[in-house]
Amino acid sequence: MGKKRARDLGLPFPGVTGENNALTDVPGVEIGFTTIIEGEGPVQIGKGPIRTGVTAILPRGKKNMMQPIWAGFYSLNGNGEMTGVHWVNDAGYFLSPICITNTHSVGMAHHATTKWMINHYGEQFSNEHLWSMPVIAETYDGVLNDINGQHISEEHVLSAIYNAKTGPVAEGNVGGGTGMICYEFKGGTGTSSRVVTIDGQTHHIGVLVQANFGLREWLTILGVPVGKHMMKEKLLDKEQGSIIVIIGTDIPMLPHQLRRVAKRAAIGIGRSGSPGGNSSGDIFLAFSTANEMDIPQSAPEKLKMEFVNDEVFDPIYEAVCQAVDESVVNALIAAETMTTVKPNGHMVEAIDHQDLLRIMKEYNRI
């Protein structure tokens, strides 16, 4: 049996989900993970313990030709990194897989993703003067992982990309989310999706988060201040985490519209209680798989794009906020307890499902 998710516990999140309630409900999107969990005890730099990994998102899967992936970027609080977004801001698209890992492995993930692109799209790189500018994002896992040991290798990144697939998506202590902490509970990877209808056609909006943010007393689920009722085993005096939010859709949108969608991730994470803390990198990217066309180097001088009317965006924004919020809670629900390595020996507890349900019942939410 798979891990429990928020809806499995009876938490009444609003909105209609796709088949997998995951980013992979957007047709063509593939997701893969490499997860490394090795060793126990205090940190010895370069020797572990290791609790980290890589999450790879392929918006157009493993097609043989590069095509623009239309996108918009928004940074609520820039205490973190997402590479390639200067070009997203200027050109409105990117070409690479998206990889998410820990803070000190951005360079390796960038190097390995570039290698994958050169190899996978070999004909295009051979015939054109192309460049690779991968989208690589990070959050800090140094409380639970020997982050300074830089244990992520080229092979780990390539494995996550090569093994990416459609269908159900693992959550919690997997991929880049392996060593992450959320609202002082064990956090990590979470995902969710929504179905929206535009002009009689069904579309999907999917979200994946790497949740590593928030103080316990902030945690709010479906309007209930559950964190204030679960204050045991607190870890932090101030926030020191981050969250990466990736939003995907098959709705045709222009880049400026996708940037507006990316902004709504801020409202989504706010629903779980975060004010966007000073030390938190709250960094968001939205992409659309619609409007498939050749890369600009091979395209004609005039192009045509389909896009939805701005007046239909309210249900889209609502769906994004819902899916972001549920993704964060899914990460918490799926995560498993880990022991800290810096400082050594403290427990980062997974949120107690029964305790959570008791509190939700007290507030008549279930």
Foldseek 3Di string as FASTA:
>chain_A
DAFDACVNLVQDQDFAFAPQQFLLSFPQKWKFKFFDADDAAADDALPKRAGWIKMKIDQNALDQAWWWWFKAKDWPAALWDWWPVVCCVVPRTATWIEMEIARLQQVQLQVLRQVVCCVSNVVPVVPDVDDHTYTYTHKHQQFAMSVNSNPDHSVRNVNRRVPIDHDHDAAALIHRLNRAAAQLARFAKFKGKHWDADPNDIKIKIKIKGHRWHHLQQFDDPRFRVSVVVVPLGDDPFIQIEMEMEMEMQAFAHSVVNNVLFVLLCLLVCNRGDPQDNNYGYIYMYTHPPDTDHDPVPDDPDDDGDHDDPVPCPVVSVRSSSGSNSRRSRRLSRHAKGATNVVGGRIRHRDDSVSVVVSCVVVPSD
